[in-house]
C-alpha atoms as a PDB file:
ATOM      1  CA  UNK A   1     -73.226-194.792  56.277  1.00  0.00           C
ATOM      2  CA  UNK A   2     -70.626-197.444  55.415  1.00  0.00           C
ATOM      3  CA  UNK A   3     -69.040-198.580  52.093  1.00  0.00           C
ATOM      4  CA  UNK A   4     -68.704-201.981  50.942  1.00  0.00           C
ATOM      5  CA  UNK A   5     -67.814-203.554  47.822  1.00  0.00           C
ATOM      6  CA  UNK A   6     -71.289-203.230  46.538  1.00  0.00           C
ATOM      7  CA  UNK A   7     -71.455-199.550  47.780  1.00  0.00           C
ATOM      8  CA  UNK A   8     -72.675-197.424  50.399  1.00  0.00           C
ATOM      9  CA  UNK A   9     -75.302-198.768  52.764  1.00  0.00           C
ATOM     10  CA  UNK A  10     -77.721-197.185  55.267  1.00  0.00           C
ATOM     11  CA  UNK A  11     -77.418-199.823  57.738  1.00  0.00           C
ATOM     12  CA  UNK A  12     -79.468-202.924  58.475  1.00  0.00           C
ATOM     13  CA  UNK A  13     -83.283-203.031  58.114  1.00  0.00           C
ATOM     14  CA  UNK A  14     -85.031-204.935  60.940  1.00  0.00           C
ATOM     15  CA  UNK A  15     -86.193-208.277  59.929  1.00  0.00           C
ATOM     16  CA  UNK A  16     -89.801-207.660  61.073  1.00  0.00           C
ATOM     17  CA  UNK A  17     -90.022-204.260  59.266  1.00  0.00           C
ATOM     18  CA  UNK A  18     -92.372-204.361  56.366  1.00  0.00           C
ATOM     19  CA  UNK A  19     -90.716-202.846  53.244  1.00  0.00           C
ATOM     20  CA  UNK A  20     -94.221-202.368  51.224  1.00  0.00           C
ATOM     21  CA  UNK A  21     -97.354-202.736  52.994  1.00  0.00           C
ATOM     22  CA  UNK A  22    -100.830-202.643  50.766  1.00  0.00           C
ATOM     23  CA  UNK A  23    -103.947-202.545  52.824  1.00  0.00           C
ATOM     24  CA  UNK A  24    -107.193-203.191  51.161  1.00  0.00           C
ATOM     25  CA  UNK A  25    -106.087-200.700  48.363  1.00  0.00           C
ATOM     26  CA  UNK A  26    -108.304-199.797  45.611  1.00  0.00           C
ATOM     27  CA  UNK A  27    -108.022-197.665  42.512  1.00  0.00           C
ATOM     28  CA  UNK A  28    -110.164-197.147  39.613  1.00  0.00           C
ATOM     29  CA  UNK A  29    -110.241-195.457  36.246  1.00  0.00           C
ATOM     30  CA  UNK A  30    -113.724-194.567  35.074  1.00  0.00           C
ATOM     31  CA  UNK A  31    -115.689-197.695  35.548  1.00  0.00           C
ATOM     32  CA  UNK A  32    -112.647-199.914  35.469  1.00  0.00           C
ATOM     33  CA  UNK A  33    -111.061-201.142  39.054  1.00  0.00           C
ATOM     34  CA  UNK A  34    -107.448-201.618  38.146  1.00  0.00           C
ATOM     35  CA  UNK A  35    -106.629-202.403  41.716  1.00  0.00           C
ATOM     36  CA  UNK A  36    -109.474-204.113  43.740  1.00  0.00           C
ATOM     37  CA  UNK A  37    -108.956-204.557  47.494  1.00  0.00           C
ATOM     38  CA  UNK A  38    -105.150-205.359  47.259  1.00  0.00           C
ATOM     39  CA  UNK A  39    -103.524-206.353  50.491  1.00  0.00           C
ATOM     40  CA  UNK A  40     -99.881-207.596  50.381  1.00  0.00           C
ATOM     41  CA  UNK A  41     -96.687-207.309  52.331  1.00  0.00           C
ATOM     42  CA  UNK A  42     -93.013-207.318  51.148  1.00  0.00           C
ATOM     43  CA  UNK A  43     -89.905-208.102  53.295  1.00  0.00           C
ATOM     44  CA  UNK A  44     -86.360-207.206  53.293  1.00  0.00           C
ATOM     45  CA  UNK A  45     -84.164-209.178  51.053  1.00  0.00           C
ATOM     46  CA  UNK A  46     -87.153-210.752  49.087  1.00  0.00           C
ATOM     47  CA  UNK A  47     -86.886-211.128  45.396  1.00  0.00           C
ATOM     48  CA  UNK A  48     -90.724-210.883  44.306  1.00  0.00           C
ATOM     49  CA  UNK A  49     -92.090-211.498  40.801  1.00  0.00           C
ATOM     50  CA  UNK A  50     -95.445-209.638  40.099  1.00  0.00           C
ATOM     51  CA  UNK A  51     -97.569-211.722  37.157  1.00  0.00           C
ATOM     52  CA  UNK A  52    -100.639-211.117  35.684  1.00  0.00           C
ATOM     53  CA  UNK A  53    -102.337-211.131  32.277  1.00  0.00           C
ATOM     54  CA  UNK A  54    -102.451-207.687  30.533  1.00  0.00           C
ATOM     55  CA  UNK A  55    -104.906-205.555  32.448  1.00  0.00           C
ATOM     56  CA  UNK A  56    -104.339-207.400  35.668  1.00  0.00           C
ATOM     57  CA  UNK A  57    -103.378-204.280  37.394  1.00  0.00           C
ATOM     58  CA  UNK A  58     -99.667-204.952  37.542  1.00  0.00           C
ATOM     59  CA  UNK A  59     -98.605-201.394  36.248  1.00  0.00           C
ATOM     60  CA  UNK A  60    -101.205-199.817  38.485  1.00  0.00           C
ATOM     61  CA  UNK A  61    -100.167-201.500  41.455  1.00  0.00           C
ATOM     62  CA  UNK A  62     -96.367-200.232  40.783  1.00  0.00           C
ATOM     63  CA  UNK A  63     -97.673-196.828  40.090  1.00  0.00           C
ATOM     64  CA  UNK A  64     -99.312-196.680  43.680  1.00  0.00           C
ATOM     65  CA  UNK A  65     -96.099-198.307  45.221  1.00  0.00           C
ATOM     66  CA  UNK A  66     -94.006-195.364  43.667  1.00  0.00           C
ATOM     67  CA  UNK A  67     -96.687-192.741  44.377  1.00  0.00           C
ATOM     68  CA  UNK A  68     -97.289-191.858  40.935  1.00  0.00           C
ATOM     69  CA  UNK A  69    -100.782-192.453  41.540  1.00  0.00           C
ATOM     70  CA  UNK A  70    -102.787-192.170  44.703  1.00  0.00           C
ATOM     71  CA  UNK A  71    -105.158-194.999  45.930  1.00  0.00           C
ATOM     72  CA  UNK A  72    -109.091-194.332  45.968  1.00  0.00           C
ATOM     73  CA  UNK A  73    -109.170-196.362  49.174  1.00  0.00           C
ATOM     74  CA  UNK A  74    -106.886-198.218  51.603  1.00  0.00           C
ATOM     75  CA  UNK A  75    -103.460-197.463  52.251  1.00  0.00           C
ATOM     76  CA  UNK A  76     -99.842-197.713  50.673  1.00  0.00           C
ATOM     77  CA  UNK A  77     -96.897-197.516  53.075  1.00  0.00           C
ATOM     78  CA  UNK A  78     -93.326-197.968  51.884  1.00  0.00           C
ATOM     79  CA  UNK A  79     -90.783-198.430  54.824  1.00  0.00           C
ATOM     80  CA  UNK A  80     -93.525-197.244  57.078  1.00  0.00           C
ATOM     81  CA  UNK A  81     -93.874-193.947  55.382  1.00  0.00           C
ATOM     82  CA  UNK A  82     -95.580-192.612  52.369  1.00  0.00           C
ATOM     83  CA  UNK A  83     -94.202-193.801  48.818  1.00  0.00           C
ATOM     84  CA  UNK A  84     -93.069-189.970  48.285  1.00  0.00           C
ATOM     85  CA  UNK A  85     -91.232-189.951  51.392  1.00  0.00           C
ATOM     86  CA  UNK A  86     -89.529-192.970  50.718  1.00  0.00           C
ATOM     87  CA  UNK A  87     -88.426-191.820  47.188  1.00  0.00           C
ATOM     88  CA  UNK A  88     -87.304-188.525  48.432  1.00  0.00           C
ATOM     89  CA  UNK A  89     -85.057-190.357  51.099  1.00  0.00           C
ATOM     90  CA  UNK A  90     -83.473-192.237  48.485  1.00  0.00           C
ATOM     91  CA  UNK A  91     -84.846-195.597  49.485  1.00  0.00           C
ATOM     92  CA  UNK A  92     -86.492-196.666  46.283  1.00  0.00           C
ATOM     93  CA  UNK A  93     -85.307-197.227  42.756  1.00  0.00           C
ATOM     94  CA  UNK A  94     -87.313-197.786  39.895  1.00  0.00           C
ATOM     95  CA  UNK A  95     -87.008-199.136  36.289  1.00  0.00           C
ATOM     96  CA  UNK A  96     -90.073-198.372  34.424  1.00  0.00           C
ATOM     97  CA  UNK A  97     -91.522-199.178  30.818  1.00  0.00           C
ATOM     98  CA  UNK A  98     -93.222-195.831  30.544  1.00  0.00           C
ATOM     99  CA  UNK A  99     -91.381-192.529  30.196  1.00  0.00           C
ATOM    100  CA  UNK A 100     -88.362-191.535  27.941  1.00  0.00           C
ATOM    101  CA  UNK A 101     -84.894-190.973  28.530  1.00  0.00           C
ATOM    102  CA  UNK A 102     -83.301-187.460  28.556  1.00  0.00           C
ATOM    103  CA  UNK A 103     -82.164-186.342  25.140  1.00  0.00           C
ATOM    104  CA  UNK A 104     -79.262-184.178  24.147  1.00  0.00           C
ATOM    105  CA  UNK A 105     -76.894-185.833  26.646  1.00  0.00           C
ATOM    106  CA  UNK A 106     -74.722-188.551  26.470  1.00  0.00           C
ATOM    107  CA  UNK A 107     -75.088-191.906  28.647  1.00  0.00           C
ATOM    108  CA  UNK A 108     -72.348-190.881  30.880  1.00  0.00           C
ATOM    109  CA  UNK A 109     -73.645-187.406  31.418  1.00  0.00           C
ATOM    110  CA  UNK A 110     -77.261-188.784  32.325  1.00  0.00           C
ATOM    111  CA  UNK A 111     -75.735-191.461  34.748  1.00  0.00           C
ATOM    112  CA  UNK A 112     -73.558-188.874  36.473  1.00  0.00           C
ATOM    113  CA  UNK A 113     -76.476-186.359  36.644  1.00  0.00           C
ATOM    114  CA  UNK A 114     -78.858-189.229  38.340  1.00  0.00           C
ATOM    115  CA  UNK A 115     -75.927-190.069  40.732  1.00  0.00           C
ATOM    116  CA  UNK A 116     -75.561-186.532  41.794  1.00  0.00           C
ATOM    117  CA  UNK A 117     -79.043-186.218  42.875  1.00  0.00           C
ATOM    118  CA  UNK A 118     -79.478-189.393  44.807  1.00  0.00           C
ATOM    119  CA  UNK A 119     -78.791-188.943  48.664  1.00  0.00           C
ATOM    120  CA  UNK A 120     -76.751-192.182  48.880  1.00  0.00           C
ATOM    121  CA  UNK A 121     -75.038-192.494  45.291  1.00  0.00           C
ATOM    122  CA  UNK A 122     -72.685-194.769  44.183  1.00  0.00           C
ATOM    123  CA  UNK A 123     -69.520-193.694  41.921  1.00  0.00           C
ATOM    124  CA  UNK A 124     -70.945-193.098  38.294  1.00  0.00           C
ATOM    125  CA  UNK A 125     -68.219-195.533  36.781  1.00  0.00           C
ATOM    126  CA  UNK A 126     -69.192-198.195  38.951  1.00  0.00           C
ATOM    127  CA  UNK A 127     -72.885-197.733  38.015  1.00  0.00           C
ATOM    128  CA  UNK A 128     -72.066-197.681  34.218  1.00  0.00           C
ATOM    129  CA  UNK A 129     -69.693-200.877  34.827  1.00  0.00           C
ATOM    130  CA  UNK A 130     -72.705-202.698  36.732  1.00  0.00           C
ATOM    131  CA  UNK A 131     -75.312-202.010  34.039  1.00  0.00           C
ATOM    132  CA  UNK A 132     -72.707-203.107  31.191  1.00  0.00           C
ATOM    133  CA  UNK A 133     -72.617-199.663  29.447  1.00  0.00           C
ATOM    134  CA  UNK A 134     -69.284-198.470  29.872  1.00  0.00           C
ATOM    135  CA  UNK A 135     -68.433-199.031  26.371  1.00  0.00           C
ATOM    136  CA  UNK A 136     -71.276-196.890  25.317  1.00  0.00           C
ATOM    137  CA  UNK A 137     -70.809-194.328  28.059  1.00  0.00           C
ATOM    138  CA  UNK A 138     -69.820-191.381  25.297  1.00  0.00           C
ATOM    139  CA  UNK A 139     -73.020-192.277  23.135  1.00  0.00           C
ATOM    140  CA  UNK A 140     -75.809-189.913  22.848  1.00  0.00           C
ATOM    141  CA  UNK A 141     -79.000-191.277  24.714  1.00  0.00           C
ATOM    142  CA  UNK A 142     -81.168-190.736  21.592  1.00  0.00           C
ATOM    143  CA  UNK A 143     -78.973-193.019  19.495  1.00  0.00           C
ATOM    144  CA  UNK A 144     -79.277-196.202  21.408  1.00  0.00           C
ATOM    145  CA  UNK A 145     -80.929-199.453  20.554  1.00  0.00           C
ATOM    146  CA  UNK A 146     -83.825-200.698  22.539  1.00  0.00           C
ATOM    147  CA  UNK A 147     -81.654-203.144  24.628  1.00  0.00           C
ATOM    148  CA  UNK A 148     -79.119-200.459  25.482  1.00  0.00           C
ATOM    149  CA  UNK A 149     -81.975-198.207  26.633  1.00  0.00           C
ATOM    150  CA  UNK A 150     -83.211-200.794  28.886  1.00  0.00           C
ATOM    151  CA  UNK A 151     -79.657-201.061  30.409  1.00  0.00           C
ATOM    152  CA  UNK A 152     -79.266-197.227  30.928  1.00  0.00           C
ATOM    153  CA  UNK A 153     -82.726-197.395  32.713  1.00  0.00           C
ATOM    154  CA  UNK A 154     -81.272-200.202  34.868  1.00  0.00           C
ATOM    155  CA  UNK A 155     -78.336-197.931  35.523  1.00  0.00           C
ATOM    156  CA  UNK A 156     -80.692-195.197  36.715  1.00  0.00           C
ATOM    157  CA  UNK A 157     -82.521-197.434  38.933  1.00  0.00           C
ATOM    158  CA  UNK A 158     -79.455-198.587  40.800  1.00  0.00           C
ATOM    159  CA  UNK A 159     -77.525-195.198  40.951  1.00  0.00           C
ATOM    160  CA  UNK A 160     -77.503-195.292  44.566  1.00  0.00           C
ATOM    161  CA  UNK A 161     -78.010-197.575  47.652  1.00  0.00           C
ATOM    162  CA  UNK A 162     -81.668-198.030  47.271  1.00  0.00           C
ATOM    163  CA  UNK A 163     -83.603-200.562  49.778  1.00  0.00           C
ATOM    164  CA  UNK A 164     -86.151-201.260  47.301  1.00  0.00           C
ATOM    165  CA  UNK A 165     -85.827-201.753  43.509  1.00  0.00           C
ATOM    166  CA  UNK A 166     -88.862-201.934  41.534  1.00  0.00           C
ATOM    167  CA  UNK A 167     -88.564-203.087  38.040  1.00  0.00           C
ATOM    168  CA  UNK A 168     -91.271-203.093  35.376  1.00  0.00           C
ATOM    169  CA  UNK A 169     -90.521-205.522  32.503  1.00  0.00           C
ATOM    170  CA  UNK A 170     -86.823-204.994  33.009  1.00  0.00           C
ATOM    171  CA  UNK A 171     -85.080-207.278  30.601  1.00  0.00           C
ATOM    172  CA  UNK A 172     -87.610-206.408  27.459  1.00  0.00           C
ATOM    173  CA  UNK A 173     -85.092-206.035  24.374  1.00  0.00           C
ATOM    174  CA  UNK A 174     -82.080-207.219  26.128  1.00  0.00           C
ATOM    175  CA  UNK A 175     -80.142-210.557  24.713  1.00  0.00           C
ATOM    176  CA  UNK A 176     -79.419-213.450  26.699  1.00  0.00           C
ATOM    177  CA  UNK A 177     -76.165-212.413  27.930  1.00  0.00           C
ATOM    178  CA  UNK A 178     -77.397-208.941  28.998  1.00  0.00           C
ATOM    179  CA  UNK A 179     -80.394-210.641  30.865  1.00  0.00           C
ATOM    180  CA  UNK A 180     -77.933-213.019  32.798  1.00  0.00           C
ATOM    181  CA  UNK A 181     -75.867-210.057  34.012  1.00  0.00           C
ATOM    182  CA  UNK A 182     -78.747-208.260  34.926  1.00  0.00           C
ATOM    183  CA  UNK A 183     -80.335-210.728  37.131  1.00  0.00           C
ATOM    184  CA  UNK A 184     -76.815-211.781  38.712  1.00  0.00           C
ATOM    185  CA  UNK A 185     -76.722-208.123  39.878  1.00  0.00           C
ATOM    186  CA  UNK A 186     -80.155-208.175  40.929  1.00  0.00           C
ATOM    187  CA  UNK A 187     -79.121-211.263  43.012  1.00  0.00           C
ATOM    188  CA  UNK A 188     -76.420-209.352  44.395  1.00  0.00           C
ATOM    189  CA  UNK A 189     -78.515-206.693  45.603  1.00  0.00           C
ATOM    190  CA  UNK A 190     -81.134-208.949  47.404  1.00  0.00           C
ATOM    191  CA  UNK A 191     -78.126-210.917  48.857  1.00  0.00           C
ATOM    192  CA  UNK A 192     -77.015-207.481  50.360  1.00  0.00           C
ATOM    193  CA  UNK A 193     -80.575-207.192  51.947  1.00  0.00           C
ATOM    194  CA  UNK A 194     -82.322-205.066  49.443  1.00  0.00           C
ATOM    195  CA  UNK A 195     -85.809-205.931  48.013  1.00  0.00           C
ATOM    196  CA  UNK A 196     -86.496-206.685  44.466  1.00  0.00           C
ATOM    197  CA  UNK A 197     -89.878-206.323  43.142  1.00  0.00           C
ATOM    198  CA  UNK A 198     -90.277-206.932  39.367  1.00  0.00           C
ATOM    199  CA  UNK A 199     -93.293-207.267  36.997  1.00  0.00           C
ATOM    200  CA  UNK A 200     -92.483-209.647  33.971  1.00  0.00           C
ATOM    201  CA  UNK A 201     -94.258-211.564  31.176  1.00  0.00           C
ATOM    202  CA  UNK A 202     -90.947-213.806  31.194  1.00  0.00           C
ATOM    203  CA  UNK A 203     -92.337-216.544  33.461  1.00  0.00           C
ATOM    204  CA  UNK A 204     -89.401-218.468  32.912  1.00  0.00           C
ATOM    205  CA  UNK A 205     -87.346-215.512  34.644  1.00  0.00           C
ATOM    206  CA  UNK A 206     -90.043-215.515  37.518  1.00  0.00           C
ATOM    207  CA  UNK A 207     -89.339-219.246  37.932  1.00  0.00           C
ATOM    208  CA  UNK A 208     -85.404-219.032  38.012  1.00  0.00           C
ATOM    209  CA  UNK A 209     -85.180-215.741  39.804  1.00  0.00           C
ATOM    210  CA  UNK A 210     -87.938-215.125  42.312  1.00  0.00           C
ATOM    211  CA  UNK A 211     -88.029-216.277  45.940  1.00  0.00           C
ATOM    212  CA  UNK A 212     -91.857-215.470  45.841  1.00  0.00           C
ATOM    213  CA  UNK A 213     -94.487-215.163  43.082  1.00  0.00           C
ATOM    214  CA  UNK A 214     -97.571-212.789  43.264  1.00  0.00           C
ATOM    215  CA  UNK A 215    -100.238-213.429  40.685  1.00  0.00           C
ATOM    216  CA  UNK A 216    -102.763-210.613  39.881  1.00  0.00           C
ATOM    217  CA  UNK A 217    -105.937-210.754  38.167  1.00  0.00           C
ATOM    218  CA  UNK A 218    -108.400-208.019  37.627  1.00  0.00           C
ATOM    219  CA  UNK A 219    -106.584-205.999  40.174  1.00  0.00           C
ATOM    220  CA  UNK A 220    -107.027-208.870  42.754  1.00  0.00           C
ATOM    221  CA  UNK A 221    -104.531-210.863  44.428  1.00  0.00           C
ATOM    222  CA  UNK A 222    -105.056-214.622  43.305  1.00  0.00           C
ATOM    223  CA  UNK A 223    -101.762-216.407  44.502  1.00  0.00           C
ATOM    224  CA  UNK A 224     -98.851-215.550  46.715  1.00  0.00           C
ATOM    225  CA  UNK A 225     -96.156-217.936  47.472  1.00  0.00           C
ATOM    226  CA  UNK A 226     -92.919-219.751  46.072  1.00  0.00           C
ATOM    227  CA  UNK A 227     -92.631-220.552  42.550  1.00  0.00           C
ATOM    228  CA  UNK A 228     -93.043-224.375  43.673  1.00  0.00           C
ATOM    229  CA  UNK A 229     -96.159-223.447  45.868  1.00  0.00           C
ATOM    230  CA  UNK A 230     -97.611-221.655  42.760  1.00  0.00           C
ATOM    231  CA  UNK A 231     -96.900-224.786  40.597  1.00  0.00           C
ATOM    232  CA  UNK A 232     -98.545-227.046  42.965  1.00  0.00           C
ATOM    233  CA  UNK A 233    -101.705-225.043  42.876  1.00  0.00           C
ATOM    234  CA  UNK A 234    -102.229-226.129  39.195  1.00  0.00           C
ATOM    235  CA  UNK A 235    -102.857-229.735  40.426  1.00  0.00           C
ATOM    236  CA  UNK A 236    -102.120-232.335  37.940  1.00  0.00           C
ATOM    237  CA  UNK A 237     -98.766-233.646  37.057  1.00  0.00           C
ATOM    238  CA  UNK A 238     -97.570-234.782  33.829  1.00  0.00           C
ATOM    239  CA  UNK A 239     -96.780-238.252  32.911  1.00  0.00           C
ATOM    240  CA  UNK A 240     -95.008-239.531  29.697  1.00  0.00           C
ATOM    241  CA  UNK A 241     -93.794-242.685  28.344  1.00  0.00           C
ATOM    242  CA  UNK A 242     -93.592-244.883  25.182  1.00  0.00           C
ATOM    243  CA  UNK A 243     -95.529-247.910  24.509  1.00  0.00           C
ATOM    244  CA  UNK A 244     -95.287-250.207  21.457  1.00  0.00           C
ATOM    245  CA  UNK A 245     -97.594-249.086  18.595  1.00  0.00           C
ATOM    246  CA  UNK A 246    -100.863-250.626  18.684  1.00  0.00           C
ATOM    247  CA  UNK A 247    -101.278-250.797  22.403  1.00  0.00           C
ATOM    248  CA  UNK A 248    -104.616-251.016  23.763  1.00  0.00           C
ATOM    249  CA  UNK A 249    -105.889-247.429  24.478  1.00  0.00           C
ATOM    250  CA  UNK A 250    -108.931-248.814  26.241  1.00  0.00           C
ATOM    251  CA  UNK A 251    -106.683-250.065  29.104  1.00  0.00           C
ATOM    252  CA  UNK A 252    -105.169-246.591  29.229  1.00  0.00           C
ATOM    253  CA  UNK A 253    -108.582-244.999  29.851  1.00  0.00           C
ATOM    254  CA  UNK A 254    -109.053-247.264  32.644  1.00  0.00           C
ATOM    255  CA  UNK A 255    -106.196-245.671  34.598  1.00  0.00           C
ATOM    256  CA  UNK A 256    -107.214-243.799  37.780  1.00  0.00           C
ATOM    257  CA  UNK A 257    -106.750-240.089  38.487  1.00  0.00           C
ATOM    258  CA  UNK A 258    -106.716-239.003  34.831  1.00  0.00           C
ATOM    259  CA  UNK A 259    -107.067-235.468  34.217  1.00  0.00           C
ATOM    260  CA  UNK A 260    -106.128-236.082  30.326  1.00  0.00           C
ATOM    261  CA  UNK A 261    -104.923-238.462  28.081  1.00  0.00           C
ATOM    262  CA  UNK A 262    -103.210-238.192  24.836  1.00  0.00           C
ATOM    263  CA  UNK A 263    -101.554-240.949  22.723  1.00  0.00           C
ATOM    264  CA  UNK A 264     -99.454-239.977  19.461  1.00  0.00           C
ATOM    265  CA  UNK A 265     -97.974-242.891  17.684  1.00  0.00           C
ATOM    266  CA  UNK A 266     -96.268-244.853  20.591  1.00  0.00           C
ATOM    267  CA  UNK A 267     -95.888-241.877  22.834  1.00  0.00           C
ATOM    268  CA  UNK A 268     -98.605-241.516  25.802  1.00  0.00           C
ATOM    269  CA  UNK A 269     -99.099-238.179  27.674  1.00  0.00           C
ATOM    270  CA  UNK A 270    -101.201-238.009  30.775  1.00  0.00           C
ATOM    271  CA  UNK A 271    -102.102-235.333  33.214  1.00  0.00           C
ATOM    272  CA  UNK A 272    -102.849-236.907  36.528  1.00  0.00           C
ATOM    273  CA  UNK A 273    -104.244-235.801  39.713  1.00  0.00           C
ATOM    274  CA  UNK A 274    -102.150-238.566  41.636  1.00  0.00           C
ATOM    275  CA  UNK A 275     -99.027-239.302  39.637  1.00  0.00           C
ATOM    276  CA  UNK A 276     -97.747-242.234  41.794  1.00  0.00           C
ATOM    277  CA  UNK A 277    -101.239-243.902  41.816  1.00  0.00           C
ATOM    278  CA  UNK A 278    -101.452-243.504  38.028  1.00  0.00           C
ATOM    279  CA  UNK A 279     -97.882-244.908  37.284  1.00  0.00           C
ATOM    280  CA  UNK A 280     -98.700-247.840  39.650  1.00  0.00           C
ATOM    281  CA  UNK A 281    -101.751-248.512  37.655  1.00  0.00           C
ATOM    282  CA  UNK A 282     -99.843-248.593  34.512  1.00  0.00           C
ATOM    283  CA  UNK A 283     -97.598-251.598  35.718  1.00  0.00           C
ATOM    284  CA  UNK A 284    -100.617-253.399  37.423  1.00  0.00           C
ATOM    285  CA  UNK A 285    -102.292-253.412  33.918  1.00  0.00           C
ATOM    286  CA  UNK A 286     -99.297-255.370  32.544  1.00  0.00           C
ATOM    287  CA  UNK A 287     -98.116-252.442  30.730  1.00  0.00           C
ATOM    288  CA  UNK A 288     -94.300-251.949  30.160  1.00  0.00           C
ATOM    289  CA  UNK A 289     -93.747-248.226  29.569  1.00  0.00           C
ATOM    290  CA  UNK A 290     -90.279-246.965  28.147  1.00  0.00           C
ATOM    291  CA  UNK A 291     -88.795-243.601  28.911  1.00  0.00           C
ATOM    292  CA  UNK A 292     -91.194-242.919  31.702  1.00  0.00           C
ATOM    293  CA  UNK A 293     -91.082-239.309  32.887  1.00  0.00           C
ATOM    294  CA  UNK A 294     -93.285-237.592  35.718  1.00  0.00           C
ATOM    295  CA  UNK A 295     -93.060-233.735  35.959  1.00  0.00           C
ATOM    296  CA  UNK A 296     -95.011-231.201  37.788  1.00  0.00           C
ATOM    297  CA  UNK A 297     -96.510-228.211  35.775  1.00  0.00           C
ATOM    298  CA  UNK A 298     -94.389-225.368  34.793  1.00  0.00           C
ATOM    299  CA  UNK A 299     -94.954-221.776  36.194  1.00  0.00           C
ATOM    300  CA  UNK A 300     -96.603-221.118  32.886  1.00  0.00           C
ATOM    301  CA  UNK A 301     -99.028-223.894  32.966  1.00  0.00           C
ATOM    302  CA  UNK A 302     -99.721-222.986  36.666  1.00  0.00           C
ATOM    303  CA  UNK A 303    -100.549-219.371  35.962  1.00  0.00           C
ATOM    304  CA  UNK A 304    -102.834-220.167  32.765  1.00  0.00           C
ATOM    305  CA  UNK A 305    -104.717-222.750  35.180  1.00  0.00           C
ATOM    306  CA  UNK A 306    -105.010-220.142  38.002  1.00  0.00           C
ATOM    307  CA  UNK A 307    -106.056-217.442  35.941  1.00  0.00           C
ATOM    308  CA  UNK A 308    -108.541-219.636  33.779  1.00  0.00           C
ATOM    309  CA  UNK A 309    -110.061-220.936  36.995  1.00  0.00           C
ATOM    310  CA  UNK A 310    -110.767-217.624  38.144  1.00  0.00           C
ATOM    311  CA  UNK A 311    -112.250-216.457  34.828  1.00  0.00           C
ATOM    312  CA  UNK A 312    -114.488-219.349  34.882  1.00  0.00           C
ATOM    313  CA  UNK A 313    -115.495-218.454  38.548  1.00  0.00           C
ATOM    314  CA  UNK A 314    -116.371-214.911  37.737  1.00  0.00           C
ATOM    315  CA  UNK A 315    -118.133-215.694  34.445  1.00  0.00           C
END
């Protein structure tokens, strides 16, 4: 084991070694299939966002990955071993929504205890500083605000040199500054070769932070790609421009590749399956648009489109 500015490391993980592998995993609770034939593979150094509406199976998937639950079918392997073996070896750190923090101790005492139990610990002072909780180190854990509790959970998840960090809605309750500091630290962890998997409802975080996005729906994997690739799955691009009030809307409805058209005052908003073709046709009709903008759908719009299409398909 060596020590760097980022802390102790366990040596490089082979580039072709899967960090996490789900193979046709199923998990049901009564008549509800929370995870349904899920197969996926995570690789070293990736920052991966896990997205899905409520009930999509995100928390169940994380529970299976962490060995908190066992699959009914299929297999879950973490660093080629069972989730429990990977946890005992100190290769996995987790920050979960569920479960309370230990009471009747200070923040510093809780962090020090967690560090002492980790097979490859960081110094407790370093852990406190990284999580931005040095100033509240002497405060009782049960006297913390929601955002402070989240930062303490973050500290506990990064108390040692884990090769995989699993985060469930990690920035809930944090203010903007704390969120920015949190994700800067997570990027440092990924740059050091560690894998970061996080479930979030903040799609702007997934768009800005994740190298890869997984979209779950009813326990199944609907999409797997970069944020750009996921956005492209939504199809139509957005075109917006201004025209003089009173412009003939009938002309606009003749434009090719339209998915939708909205005219409010002098502002025209279009969704098009071929933005270049639609814009070319605007000029061909003799229209003279001002303040022309062409944008791809955001991750939120893509997410909604993907999940709504699946709902329609299975209705």
